[in-house]
């Protein structure tokens, strides 16, 4: 880590949640991806001296590579490896004003 540079788990979490290919943060099967701070924890971001791990739920149709690249770019240069763990993938949510999907109506002859 570069001297004088503070790595902020809350900033990382907010930046990653704002990404289009990310539906949310994912803390892992047993909640192991988290940063513990006084009186609280930041799920989905684990900061260690030798690595940062970010757990996410991806948004389909983004690929694993696209999600990983976007998360690493959002974290920015931190002077250590950034591992991205994709815990789940969800479909894109329909627009709030979109009605239920229906099959096209054909003509009956």
PDB file of N, CA and C in Angstrom:
ATOM      1  N   UNK A   1       0.834  -1.170   0.000  1.00  0.00           N
ATOM      2  CA  UNK A   1       0.000   0.000   0.000  1.00  0.00           C
ATOM      3  C   UNK A   1       0.878   1.233   0.000  1.00  0.00           C
ATOM      4  N   UNK A   2       0.473   2.215  -0.757  1.00  0.00           N
ATOM      5  CA  UNK A   2       1.227   3.456  -0.817  1.00  0.00           C
ATOM      6  C   UNK A   2       1.087   4.193   0.500  1.00  0.00           C
ATOM      7  N   UNK A   3       2.185   4.706   0.993  1.00  0.00           N
ATOM      8  CA  UNK A   3       2.162   5.418   2.259  1.00  0.00           C
ATOM      9  C   UNK A   3       1.226   6.623   2.195  1.00  0.00           C
ATOM     10  N   UNK A   4       0.393   6.774   3.219  1.00  0.00           N
ATOM     11  CA  UNK A   4      -0.510   7.909   3.284  1.00  0.00           C
ATOM     12  C   UNK A   4      -1.821   7.723   2.547  1.00  0.00           C
ATOM     13  N   UNK A   5      -2.034   6.562   1.909  1.00  0.00           N
ATOM     14  CA  UNK A   5      -3.274   6.318   1.177  1.00  0.00           C
ATOM     15  C   UNK A   5      -4.188   5.461   2.029  1.00  0.00           C
ATOM     16  N   UNK A   6      -5.362   5.981   2.339  1.00  0.00           N
ATOM     17  CA  UNK A   6      -6.362   5.254   3.120  1.00  0.00           C
ATOM     18  C   UNK A   6      -7.313   4.545   2.167  1.00  0.00           C
ATOM     19  N   UNK A   7      -7.551   3.281   2.385  1.00  0.00           N
ATOM     20  CA  UNK A   7      -8.499   2.535   1.567  1.00  0.00           C
ATOM     21  C   UNK A   7      -9.815   2.508   2.323  1.00  0.00           C
ATOM     22  N   UNK A   8     -10.842   3.072   1.718  1.00  0.00           N
ATOM     23  CA  UNK A   8     -12.131   3.273   2.350  1.00  0.00           C
ATOM     24  C   UNK A   8     -13.135   2.225   1.854  1.00  0.00           C
ATOM     25  N   UNK A   9     -13.520   1.310   2.727  1.00  0.00           N
ATOM     26  CA  UNK A   9     -14.456   0.242   2.360  1.00  0.00           C
ATOM     27  C   UNK A   9     -15.812   0.795   1.952  1.00  0.00           C
ATOM     28  N   UNK A  10     -16.267   1.845   2.599  1.00  0.00           N
ATOM     29  CA  UNK A  10     -17.558   2.453   2.247  1.00  0.00           C
ATOM     30  C   UNK A  10     -17.523   3.060   0.843  1.00  0.00           C
ATOM     31  N   UNK A  11     -16.418   3.703   0.486  1.00  0.00           N
ATOM     32  CA  UNK A  11     -16.282   4.288  -0.850  1.00  0.00           C
ATOM     33  C   UNK A  11     -16.280   3.190  -1.908  1.00  0.00           C
ATOM     34  N   UNK A  12     -15.550   2.117  -1.638  1.00  0.00           N
ATOM     35  CA  UNK A  12     -15.512   1.001  -2.578  1.00  0.00           C
ATOM     36  C   UNK A  12     -16.907   0.412  -2.749  1.00  0.00           C
ATOM     37  N   UNK A  13     -17.604   0.190  -1.640  1.00  0.00           N
ATOM     38  CA  UNK A  13     -18.948  -0.395  -1.699  1.00  0.00           C
ATOM     39  C   UNK A  13     -19.891   0.489  -2.520  1.00  0.00           C
ATOM     40  N   UNK A  14     -19.861   1.794  -2.299  1.00  0.00           N
ATOM     41  CA  UNK A  14     -20.741   2.706  -3.037  1.00  0.00           C
ATOM     42  C   UNK A  14     -20.394   2.719  -4.522  1.00  0.00           C
ATOM     43  N   UNK A  15     -19.111   2.748  -4.846  1.00  0.00           N
ATOM     44  CA  UNK A  15     -18.682   2.786  -6.247  1.00  0.00           C
ATOM     45  C   UNK A  15     -19.080   1.505  -6.975  1.00  0.00           C
ATOM     46  N   UNK A  16     -18.961   0.381  -6.323  1.00  0.00           N
ATOM     47  CA  UNK A  16     -19.291  -0.904  -6.954  1.00  0.00           C
ATOM     48  C   UNK A  16     -20.805  -1.041  -7.114  1.00  0.00           C
ATOM     49  N   UNK A  17     -21.576  -0.646  -6.102  1.00  0.00           N
ATOM     50  CA  UNK A  17     -23.043  -0.725  -6.207  1.00  0.00           C
ATOM     51  C   UNK A  17     -23.588   0.136  -7.334  1.00  0.00           C
ATOM     52  N   UNK A  18     -22.878   1.199  -7.704  1.00  0.00           N
ATOM     53  CA  UNK A  18     -23.332   2.115  -8.760  1.00  0.00           C
ATOM     54  C   UNK A  18     -23.083   1.575 -10.172  1.00  0.00           C
ATOM     55  N   UNK A  19     -22.379   0.479 -10.298  1.00  0.00           N
ATOM     56  CA  UNK A  19     -22.040  -0.065 -11.616  1.00  0.00           C
ATOM     57  C   UNK A  19     -23.239  -0.741 -12.276  1.00  0.00           C
ATOM     58  N   UNK A  20     -23.399  -0.523 -13.578  1.00  0.00           N
ATOM     59  CA  UNK A  20     -24.502  -1.131 -14.326  1.00  0.00           C
ATOM     60  C   UNK A  20     -24.458  -2.662 -14.324  1.00  0.00           C
ATOM     61  N   UNK A  21     -23.280  -3.305 -14.465  1.00  0.00           N
ATOM     62  CA  UNK A  21     -23.283  -4.775 -14.480  1.00  0.00           C
ATOM     63  C   UNK A  21     -23.345  -5.419 -13.089  1.00  0.00           C
ATOM     64  N   UNK A  22     -23.510  -4.600 -12.043  1.00  0.00           N
ATOM     65  CA  UNK A  22     -23.564  -5.121 -10.678  1.00  0.00           C
ATOM     66  C   UNK A  22     -24.943  -4.855 -10.085  1.00  0.00           C
ATOM     67  N   UNK A  23     -25.610  -5.932  -9.647  1.00  0.00           N
ATOM     68  CA  UNK A  23     -26.929  -5.788  -9.018  1.00  0.00           C
ATOM     69  C   UNK A  23     -26.810  -5.479  -7.533  1.00  0.00           C
ATOM     70  N   UNK A  24     -25.678  -5.821  -6.935  1.00  0.00           N
ATOM     71  CA  UNK A  24     -25.470  -5.554  -5.517  1.00  0.00           C
ATOM     72  C   UNK A  24     -24.213  -6.225  -5.016  1.00  0.00           C
ATOM     73  N   UNK A  25     -23.907  -5.991  -3.762  1.00  0.00           N
ATOM     74  CA  UNK A  25     -22.751  -6.624  -3.138  1.00  0.00           C
ATOM     75  C   UNK A  25     -23.167  -7.990  -2.598  1.00  0.00           C
ATOM     76  N   UNK A  26     -22.208  -8.904  -2.518  1.00  0.00           N
ATOM     77  CA  UNK A  26     -22.466 -10.259  -2.051  1.00  0.00           C
ATOM     78  C   UNK A  26     -21.374 -10.599  -1.042  1.00  0.00           C
ATOM     79  N   UNK A  27     -21.763 -10.983   0.161  1.00  0.00           N
ATOM     80  CA  UNK A  27     -20.761 -11.223   1.200  1.00  0.00           C
ATOM     81  C   UNK A  27     -20.264 -12.663   1.263  1.00  0.00           C
ATOM     82  N   UNK A  28     -20.657 -13.481   0.297  1.00  0.00           N
ATOM     83  CA  UNK A  28     -20.191 -14.858   0.274  1.00  0.00           C
ATOM     84  C   UNK A  28     -21.157 -15.789   0.992  1.00  0.00           C
ATOM     85  N   UNK A  29     -20.924 -17.057   0.826  1.00  0.00           N
ATOM     86  CA  UNK A  29     -21.826 -18.067   1.377  1.00  0.00           C
ATOM     87  C   UNK A  29     -21.960 -17.980   2.896  1.00  0.00           C
ATOM     88  N   UNK A  30     -20.877 -17.683   3.560  1.00  0.00           N
ATOM     89  CA  UNK A  30     -20.881 -17.629   5.022  1.00  0.00           C
ATOM     90  C   UNK A  30     -20.625 -16.219   5.552  1.00  0.00           C
ATOM     91  N   UNK A  31     -20.776 -15.217   4.704  1.00  0.00           N
ATOM     92  CA  UNK A  31     -20.557 -13.833   5.137  1.00  0.00           C
ATOM     93  C   UNK A  31     -19.093 -13.476   5.329  1.00  0.00           C
ATOM     94  N   UNK A  32     -18.219 -14.243   4.682  1.00  0.00           N
ATOM     95  CA  UNK A  32     -16.784 -14.058   4.895  1.00  0.00           C
ATOM     96  C   UNK A  32     -16.186 -12.859   4.160  1.00  0.00           C
ATOM     97  N   UNK A  33     -16.900 -12.316   3.201  1.00  0.00           N
ATOM     98  CA  UNK A  33     -16.384 -11.141   2.485  1.00  0.00           C
ATOM     99  C   UNK A  33     -16.997  -9.912   3.139  1.00  0.00           C
ATOM    100  N   UNK A  34     -16.242  -9.327   4.056  1.00  0.00           N
ATOM    101  CA  UNK A  34     -16.722  -8.156   4.788  1.00  0.00           C
ATOM    102  C   UNK A  34     -15.541  -7.444   5.432  1.00  0.00           C
ATOM    103  N   UNK A  35     -15.723  -6.160   5.664  1.00  0.00           N
ATOM    104  CA  UNK A  35     -14.753  -5.369   6.411  1.00  0.00           C
ATOM    105  C   UNK A  35     -15.405  -4.989   7.727  1.00  0.00           C
ATOM    106  N   UNK A  36     -14.734  -5.284   8.805  1.00  0.00           N
ATOM    107  CA  UNK A  36     -15.263  -4.981  10.128  1.00  0.00           C
ATOM    108  C   UNK A  36     -14.706  -3.649  10.601  1.00  0.00           C
ATOM    109  N   UNK A  37     -15.611  -2.749  10.932  1.00  0.00           N
ATOM    110  CA  UNK A  37     -15.263  -1.428  11.436  1.00  0.00           C
ATOM    111  C   UNK A  37     -15.865  -1.286  12.827  1.00  0.00           C
ATOM    112  N   UNK A  38     -15.457  -0.292  13.593  1.00  0.00           N
ATOM    113  CA  UNK A  38     -16.014  -0.143  14.940  1.00  0.00           C
ATOM    114  C   UNK A  38     -17.547  -0.042  14.919  1.00  0.00           C
ATOM    115  N   UNK A  39     -18.211  -1.028  15.502  1.00  0.00           N
ATOM    116  CA  UNK A  39     -19.652  -1.021  15.631  1.00  0.00           C
ATOM    117  C   UNK A  39     -20.442  -1.422  14.396  1.00  0.00           C
ATOM    118  N   UNK A  40     -19.776  -1.801  13.322  1.00  0.00           N
ATOM    119  CA  UNK A  40     -20.489  -2.172  12.100  1.00  0.00           C
ATOM    120  C   UNK A  40     -19.567  -2.941  11.161  1.00  0.00           C
ATOM    121  N   UNK A  41     -20.174  -3.419  10.070  1.00  0.00           N
ATOM    122  CA  UNK A  41     -19.385  -4.104   9.050  1.00  0.00           C
ATOM    123  C   UNK A  41     -19.852  -3.642   7.677  1.00  0.00           C
ATOM    124  N   UNK A  42     -18.962  -3.761   6.693  1.00  0.00           N
ATOM    125  CA  UNK A  42     -19.280  -3.431   5.304  1.00  0.00           C
ATOM    126  C   UNK A  42     -19.280  -4.749   4.540  1.00  0.00           C
ATOM    127  N   UNK A  43     -20.489  -5.327   4.311  1.00  0.00           N
ATOM    128  CA  UNK A  43     -20.551  -6.604   3.608  1.00  0.00           C
ATOM    129  C   UNK A  43     -20.215  -6.456   2.132  1.00  0.00           C
ATOM    130  N   UNK A  44     -19.494  -7.441   1.600  1.00  0.00           N
ATOM    131  CA  UNK A  44     -19.150  -7.447   0.187  1.00  0.00           C
ATOM    132  C   UNK A  44     -17.782  -6.870  -0.133  1.00  0.00           C
ATOM    133  N   UNK A  45     -17.112  -6.279   0.864  1.00  0.00           N
ATOM    134  CA  UNK A  45     -15.775  -5.707   0.660  1.00  0.00           C
ATOM    135  C   UNK A  45     -14.880  -6.180   1.805  1.00  0.00           C
ATOM    136  N   UNK A  46     -13.803  -6.891   1.445  1.00  0.00           N
ATOM    137  CA  UNK A  46     -12.845  -7.340   2.455  1.00  0.00           C
ATOM    138  C   UNK A  46     -11.482  -6.741   2.128  1.00  0.00           C
ATOM    139  N   UNK A  47     -10.962  -5.963   3.053  1.00  0.00           N
ATOM    140  CA  UNK A  47      -9.665  -5.303   2.854  1.00  0.00           C
ATOM    141  C   UNK A  47      -8.633  -5.981   3.752  1.00  0.00           C
ATOM    142  N   UNK A  48      -7.600  -6.481   3.103  1.00  0.00           N
ATOM    143  CA  UNK A  48      -6.472  -7.084   3.821  1.00  0.00           C
ATOM    144  C   UNK A  48      -5.197  -6.394   3.370  1.00  0.00           C
ATOM    145  N   UNK A  49      -4.126  -6.630   4.111  1.00  0.00           N
ATOM    146  CA  UNK A  49      -2.853  -6.000   3.773  1.00  0.00           C
ATOM    147  C   UNK A  49      -2.340  -6.409   2.404  1.00  0.00           C
ATOM    148  N   UNK A  50      -2.650  -7.649   1.982  1.00  0.00           N
ATOM    149  CA  UNK A  50      -2.111  -8.160   0.732  1.00  0.00           C
ATOM    150  C   UNK A  50      -3.124  -8.236  -0.408  1.00  0.00           C
ATOM    151  N   UNK A  51      -4.417  -7.930  -0.146  1.00  0.00           N
ATOM    152  CA  UNK A  51      -5.428  -8.090  -1.190  1.00  0.00           C
ATOM    153  C   UNK A  51      -6.742  -7.436  -0.769  1.00  0.00           C
ATOM    154  N   UNK A  52      -7.512  -7.015  -1.762  1.00  0.00           N
ATOM    155  CA  UNK A  52      -8.881  -6.563  -1.544  1.00  0.00           C
ATOM    156  C   UNK A  52      -9.787  -7.532  -2.290  1.00  0.00           C
ATOM    157  N   UNK A  53     -10.817  -8.012  -1.612  1.00  0.00           N
ATOM    158  CA  UNK A  53     -11.785  -8.904  -2.238  1.00  0.00           C
ATOM    159  C   UNK A  53     -13.129  -8.196  -2.254  1.00  0.00           C
ATOM    160  N   UNK A  54     -13.766  -8.199  -3.424  1.00  0.00           N
ATOM    161  CA  UNK A  54     -15.088  -7.598  -3.568  1.00  0.00           C
ATOM    162  C   UNK A  54     -16.032  -8.692  -4.059  1.00  0.00           C
ATOM    163  N   UNK A  55     -17.096  -8.927  -3.304  1.00  0.00           N
ATOM    164  CA  UNK A  55     -18.098  -9.908  -3.684  1.00  0.00           C
ATOM    165  C   UNK A  55     -19.306  -9.197  -4.273  1.00  0.00           C
ATOM    166  N   UNK A  56     -19.777  -9.670  -5.417  1.00  0.00           N
ATOM    167  CA  UNK A  56     -20.894  -9.011  -6.091  1.00  0.00           C
ATOM    168  C   UNK A  56     -21.923 -10.022  -6.595  1.00  0.00           C
ATOM    169  N   UNK A  57     -23.117  -9.502  -6.837  1.00  0.00           N
ATOM    170  CA  UNK A  57     -24.133 -10.202  -7.606  1.00  0.00           C
ATOM    171  C   UNK A  57     -24.145  -9.506  -8.955  1.00  0.00           C
ATOM    172  N   UNK A  58     -23.871 -10.259 -10.007  1.00  0.00           N
ATOM    173  CA  UNK A  58     -23.814  -9.682 -11.346  1.00  0.00           C
ATOM    174  C   UNK A  58     -25.196  -9.520 -11.945  1.00  0.00           C
ATOM    175  N   UNK A  59     -25.257  -8.683 -12.956  1.00  0.00           N
ATOM    176  CA  UNK A  59     -26.516  -8.443 -13.664  1.00  0.00           C
ATOM    177  C   UNK A  59     -26.358  -8.954 -15.094  1.00  0.00           C
ATOM    178  N   UNK A  60     -27.161  -9.967 -15.441  1.00  0.00           N
ATOM    179  CA  UNK A  60     -27.166 -10.523 -16.789  1.00  0.00           C
ATOM    180  C   UNK A  60     -27.642  -9.452 -17.759  1.00  0.00           C
ATOM    181  N   UNK A  61     -27.080  -9.312 -18.929  1.00  0.00           N
ATOM    182  CA  UNK A  61     -26.225 -10.226 -19.674  1.00  0.00           C
ATOM    183  C   UNK A  61     -24.734  -9.919 -19.573  1.00  0.00           C
ATOM    184  N   UNK A  62     -24.302  -9.158 -18.581  1.00  0.00           N
ATOM    185  CA  UNK A  62     -22.875  -8.866 -18.443  1.00  0.00           C
ATOM    186  C   UNK A  62     -22.099 -10.162 -18.238  1.00  0.00           C
ATOM    187  N   UNK A  63     -20.921 -10.238 -18.834  1.00  0.00           N
ATOM    188  CA  UNK A  63     -20.079 -11.427 -18.680  1.00  0.00           C
ATOM    189  C   UNK A  63     -19.243 -11.300 -17.411  1.00  0.00           C
ATOM    190  N   UNK A  64     -18.674 -12.415 -17.002  1.00  0.00           N
ATOM    191  CA  UNK A  64     -17.808 -12.424 -15.829  1.00  0.00           C
ATOM    192  C   UNK A  64     -16.640 -11.455 -16.033  1.00  0.00           C
ATOM    193  N   UNK A  65     -16.073 -11.450 -17.215  1.00  0.00           N
ATOM    194  CA  UNK A  65     -14.956 -10.556 -17.513  1.00  0.00           C
ATOM    195  C   UNK A  65     -15.384  -9.097 -17.418  1.00  0.00           C
ATOM    196  N   UNK A  66     -16.540  -8.751 -17.974  1.00  0.00           N
ATOM    197  CA  UNK A  66     -17.032  -7.373 -17.909  1.00  0.00           C
ATOM    198  C   UNK A  66     -17.287  -6.940 -16.469  1.00  0.00           C
ATOM    199  N   UNK A  67     -17.876  -7.822 -15.673  1.00  0.00           N
ATOM    200  CA  UNK A  67     -18.144  -7.492 -14.277  1.00  0.00           C
ATOM    201  C   UNK A  67     -16.834  -7.279 -13.521  1.00  0.00           C
ATOM    202  N   UNK A  68     -15.895  -8.193 -13.684  1.00  0.00           N
ATOM    203  CA  UNK A  68     -14.605  -8.074 -12.999  1.00  0.00           C
ATOM    204  C   UNK A  68     -13.849  -6.816 -13.382  1.00  0.00           C
ATOM    205  N   UNK A  69     -13.809  -6.514 -14.674  1.00  0.00           N
ATOM    206  CA  UNK A  69     -13.120  -5.308 -15.135  1.00  0.00           C
ATOM    207  C   UNK A  69     -13.774  -4.048 -14.578  1.00  0.00           C
ATOM    208  N   UNK A  70     -15.111  -4.015 -14.563  1.00  0.00           N
ATOM    209  CA  UNK A  70     -15.829  -2.838 -14.058  1.00  0.00           C
ATOM    210  C   UNK A  70     -15.578  -2.649 -12.566  1.00  0.00           C
ATOM    211  N   UNK A  71     -15.585  -3.737 -11.801  1.00  0.00           N
ATOM    212  CA  UNK A  71     -15.350  -3.642 -10.358  1.00  0.00           C
ATOM    213  C   UNK A  71     -13.928  -3.169 -10.084  1.00  0.00           C
ATOM    214  N   UNK A  72     -12.955  -3.728 -10.782  1.00  0.00           N
ATOM    215  CA  UNK A  72     -11.559  -3.313 -10.563  1.00  0.00           C
ATOM    216  C   UNK A  72     -11.364  -1.844 -10.917  1.00  0.00           C
ATOM    217  N   UNK A  73     -12.009  -1.372 -11.983  1.00  0.00           N
ATOM    218  CA  UNK A  73     -11.912   0.042 -12.362  1.00  0.00           C
ATOM    219  C   UNK A  73     -12.558   0.924 -11.295  1.00  0.00           C
ATOM    220  N   UNK A  74     -13.679   0.483 -10.725  1.00  0.00           N
ATOM    221  CA  UNK A  74     -14.359   1.272  -9.693  1.00  0.00           C
ATOM    222  C   UNK A  74     -13.532   1.359  -8.413  1.00  0.00           C
ATOM    223  N   UNK A  75     -12.831   0.280  -8.081  1.00  0.00           N
ATOM    224  CA  UNK A  75     -11.974   0.294  -6.890  1.00  0.00           C
ATOM    225  C   UNK A  75     -10.811   1.250  -7.110  1.00  0.00           C
ATOM    226  N   UNK A  76     -10.270   1.261  -8.313  1.00  0.00           N
ATOM    227  CA  UNK A  76      -9.173   2.164  -8.641  1.00  0.00           C
ATOM    228  C   UNK A  76      -7.834   1.597  -8.207  1.00  0.00           C
ATOM    229  N   UNK A  77      -6.773   2.389  -8.385  1.00  0.00           N
ATOM    230  CA  UNK A  77      -5.435   1.923  -8.019  1.00  0.00           C
ATOM    231  C   UNK A  77      -5.269   1.911  -6.493  1.00  0.00           C
ATOM    232  N   UNK A  78      -5.005   0.738  -5.948  1.00  0.00           N
ATOM    233  CA  UNK A  78      -4.868   0.614  -4.496  1.00  0.00           C
ATOM    234  C   UNK A  78      -3.539  -0.021  -4.085  1.00  0.00           C
ATOM    235  N   UNK A  79      -2.700  -0.361  -5.060  1.00  0.00           N
ATOM    236  CA  UNK A  79      -1.381  -0.895  -4.739  1.00  0.00           C
ATOM    237  C   UNK A  79      -1.383  -2.338  -4.266  1.00  0.00           C
ATOM    238  N   UNK A  80      -2.453  -3.056  -4.544  1.00  0.00           N
ATOM    239  CA  UNK A  80      -2.531  -4.482  -4.204  1.00  0.00           C
ATOM    240  C   UNK A  80      -3.560  -5.139  -5.115  1.00  0.00           C
ATOM    241  N   UNK A  81      -3.524  -6.452  -5.245  1.00  0.00           N
ATOM    242  CA  UNK A  81      -4.488  -7.124  -6.118  1.00  0.00           C
ATOM    243  C   UNK A  81      -5.928  -6.945  -5.625  1.00  0.00           C
ATOM    244  N   UNK A  82      -6.852  -6.886  -6.582  1.00  0.00           N
ATOM    245  CA  UNK A  82      -8.275  -6.822  -6.276  1.00  0.00           C
ATOM    246  C   UNK A  82      -8.916  -8.080  -6.866  1.00  0.00           C
ATOM    247  N   UNK A  83      -9.434  -8.944  -5.987  1.00  0.00           N
ATOM    248  CA  UNK A  83     -10.125 -10.158  -6.419  1.00  0.00           C
ATOM    249  C   UNK A  83     -11.618  -9.880  -6.436  1.00  0.00           C
ATOM    250  N   UNK A  84     -12.285 -10.343  -7.483  1.00  0.00           N
ATOM    251  CA  UNK A  84     -13.727 -10.166  -7.604  1.00  0.00           C
ATOM    252  C   UNK A  84     -14.367 -11.541  -7.534  1.00  0.00           C
ATOM    253  N   UNK A  85     -15.279 -11.709  -6.583  1.00  0.00           N
ATOM    254  CA  UNK A  85     -16.020 -12.965  -6.427  1.00  0.00           C
ATOM    255  C   UNK A  85     -17.462 -12.711  -6.832  1.00  0.00           C
ATOM    256  N   UNK A  86     -17.941 -13.450  -7.805  1.00  0.00           N
ATOM    257  CA  UNK A  86     -19.324 -13.299  -8.262  1.00  0.00           C
ATOM    258  C   UNK A  86     -20.142 -14.399  -7.602  1.00  0.00           C
ATOM    259  N   UNK A  87     -21.003 -14.001  -6.667  1.00  0.00           N
ATOM    260  CA  UNK A  87     -21.775 -14.959  -5.888  1.00  0.00           C
ATOM    261  C   UNK A  87     -23.075 -15.377  -6.536  1.00  0.00           C
ATOM    262  N   UNK A  88     -23.566 -14.559  -7.467  1.00  0.00           N
ATOM    263  CA  UNK A  88     -24.826 -14.857  -8.122  1.00  0.00           C
ATOM    264  C   UNK A  88     -24.952 -13.960  -9.342  1.00  0.00           C
ATOM    265  N   UNK A  89     -25.880 -14.308 -10.223  1.00  0.00           N
ATOM    266  CA  UNK A  89     -26.193 -13.483 -11.390  1.00  0.00           C
ATOM    267  C   UNK A  89     -27.712 -13.405 -11.472  1.00  0.00           C
ATOM    268  N   UNK A  90     -28.221 -12.195 -11.669  1.00  0.00           N
ATOM    269  CA  UNK A  90     -29.668 -11.999 -11.760  1.00  0.00           C
ATOM    270  C   UNK A  90     -30.006 -11.366 -13.104  1.00  0.00           C
ATOM    271  N   UNK A  91     -31.238 -11.583 -13.583  1.00  0.00           N
ATOM    272  CA  UNK A  91     -31.634 -10.959 -14.853  1.00  0.00           C
ATOM    273  C   UNK A  91     -31.866  -9.465 -14.668  1.00  0.00           C
ATOM    274  N   UNK A  92     -31.826  -8.748 -15.765  1.00  0.00           N
ATOM    275  CA  UNK A  92     -32.118  -7.323 -15.732  1.00  0.00           C
ATOM    276  C   UNK A  92     -33.582  -7.161 -15.350  1.00  0.00           C
ATOM    277  N   UNK A  93     -33.859  -6.285 -14.414  1.00  0.00           N
ATOM    278  CA  UNK A  93     -35.241  -6.043 -13.990  1.00  0.00           C
ATOM    279  C   UNK A  93     -35.977  -5.281 -15.082  1.00  0.00           C
ATOM    280  N   UNK A  94     -37.251  -5.592 -15.327  1.00  0.00           N
ATOM    281  CA  UNK A  94     -38.010  -4.849 -16.333  1.00  0.00           C
ATOM    282  C   UNK A  94     -38.239  -3.415 -15.866  1.00  0.00           C
ATOM    283  N   UNK A  95     -38.446  -2.531 -16.820  1.00  0.00           N
ATOM    284  CA  UNK A  95     -38.711  -1.131 -16.497  1.00  0.00           C
ATOM    285  C   UNK A  95     -39.977  -1.052 -15.646  1.00  0.00           C
ATOM    286  N   UNK A  96     -40.036  -0.135 -14.656  1.00  0.00           N
ATOM    287  CA  UNK A  96     -41.181  -0.062 -13.759  1.00  0.00           C
ATOM    288  C   UNK A  96     -42.507   0.179 -14.474  1.00  0.00           C
ATOM    289  N   UNK A  97     -42.505   0.884 -15.596  1.00  0.00           N
ATOM    290  CA  UNK A  97     -43.750   1.187 -16.287  1.00  0.00           C
ATOM    291  C   UNK A  97     -44.105   0.146 -17.352  1.00  0.00           C
ATOM    292  N   UNK A  98     -43.263  -0.863 -17.519  1.00  0.00           N
ATOM    293  CA  UNK A  98     -43.536  -1.897 -18.524  1.00  0.00           C
ATOM    294  C   UNK A  98     -44.594  -2.855 -17.996  1.00  0.00           C
ATOM    295  N   UNK A  99     -45.548  -3.136 -18.837  1.00  0.00           N
ATOM    296  CA  UNK A  99     -46.590  -4.095 -18.462  1.00  0.00           C
ATOM    297  C   UNK A  99     -46.065  -5.507 -18.577  1.00  0.00           C
ATOM    298  N   UNK A 100     -46.915  -6.481 -18.300  1.00  0.00           N
ATOM    299  CA  UNK A 100     -46.444  -7.865 -18.413  1.00  0.00           C
ATOM    300  C   UNK A 100     -46.140  -8.205 -19.868  1.00  0.00           C
ATOM    301  N   UNK A 101     -45.112  -9.008 -20.006  1.00  0.00           N
ATOM    302  CA  UNK A 101     -44.716  -9.410 -21.363  1.00  0.00           C
ATOM    303  C   UNK A 101     -45.764 -10.348 -21.935  1.00  0.00           C
ATOM    304  N   UNK A 102     -46.065 -10.154 -23.193  1.00  0.00           N
ATOM    305  CA  UNK A 102     -47.032 -11.041 -23.829  1.00  0.00           C
ATOM    306  C   UNK A 102     -46.525 -11.427 -25.201  1.00  0.00           C
ATOM    307  N   UNK A 103     -46.992 -12.550 -25.664  1.00  0.00           N
ATOM    308  CA  UNK A 103     -46.610 -13.032 -26.982  1.00  0.00           C
ATOM    309  C   UNK A 103     -47.281 -12.168 -28.038  1.00  0.00           C
ATOM    310  N   UNK A 104     -46.612 -11.951 -29.161  1.00  0.00           N
ATOM    311  CA  UNK A 104     -47.235 -11.142 -30.223  1.00  0.00           C
ATOM    312  C   UNK A 104     -48.514 -11.817 -30.705  1.00  0.00           C
ATOM    313  N   UNK A 105     -49.491 -10.987 -30.981  1.00  0.00           N
ATOM    314  CA  UNK A 105     -50.779 -11.502 -31.454  1.00  0.00           C
ATOM    315  C   UNK A 105     -50.719 -11.686 -32.965  1.00  0.00           C
ATOM    316  N   UNK A 106     -51.063 -12.864 -33.423  1.00  0.00           N
ATOM    317  CA  UNK A 106     -51.071 -13.153 -34.849  1.00  0.00           C
ATOM    318  C   UNK A 106     -52.496 -13.142 -35.394  1.00  0.00           C
ATOM    319  N   UNK A 107     -52.591 -13.097 -36.669  1.00  0.00           N
ATOM    320  CA  UNK A 107     -53.921 -13.105 -37.292  1.00  0.00           C
ATOM    321  C   UNK A 107     -54.438 -14.532 -37.390  1.00  0.00           C
ATOM    322  N   UNK A 108     -55.699 -14.682 -37.180  1.00  0.00           N
ATOM    323  CA  UNK A 108     -56.331 -15.984 -37.341  1.00  0.00           C
ATOM    324  C   UNK A 108     -57.019 -15.966 -38.674  1.00  0.00           C
ATOM    325  N   UNK A 109     -56.686 -16.903 -39.510  1.00  0.00           N
ATOM    326  CA  UNK A 109     -57.279 -16.965 -40.847  1.00  0.00           C
ATOM    327  C   UNK A 109     -58.469 -17.859 -40.898  1.00  0.00           C
TER     328      UNK A 109
END
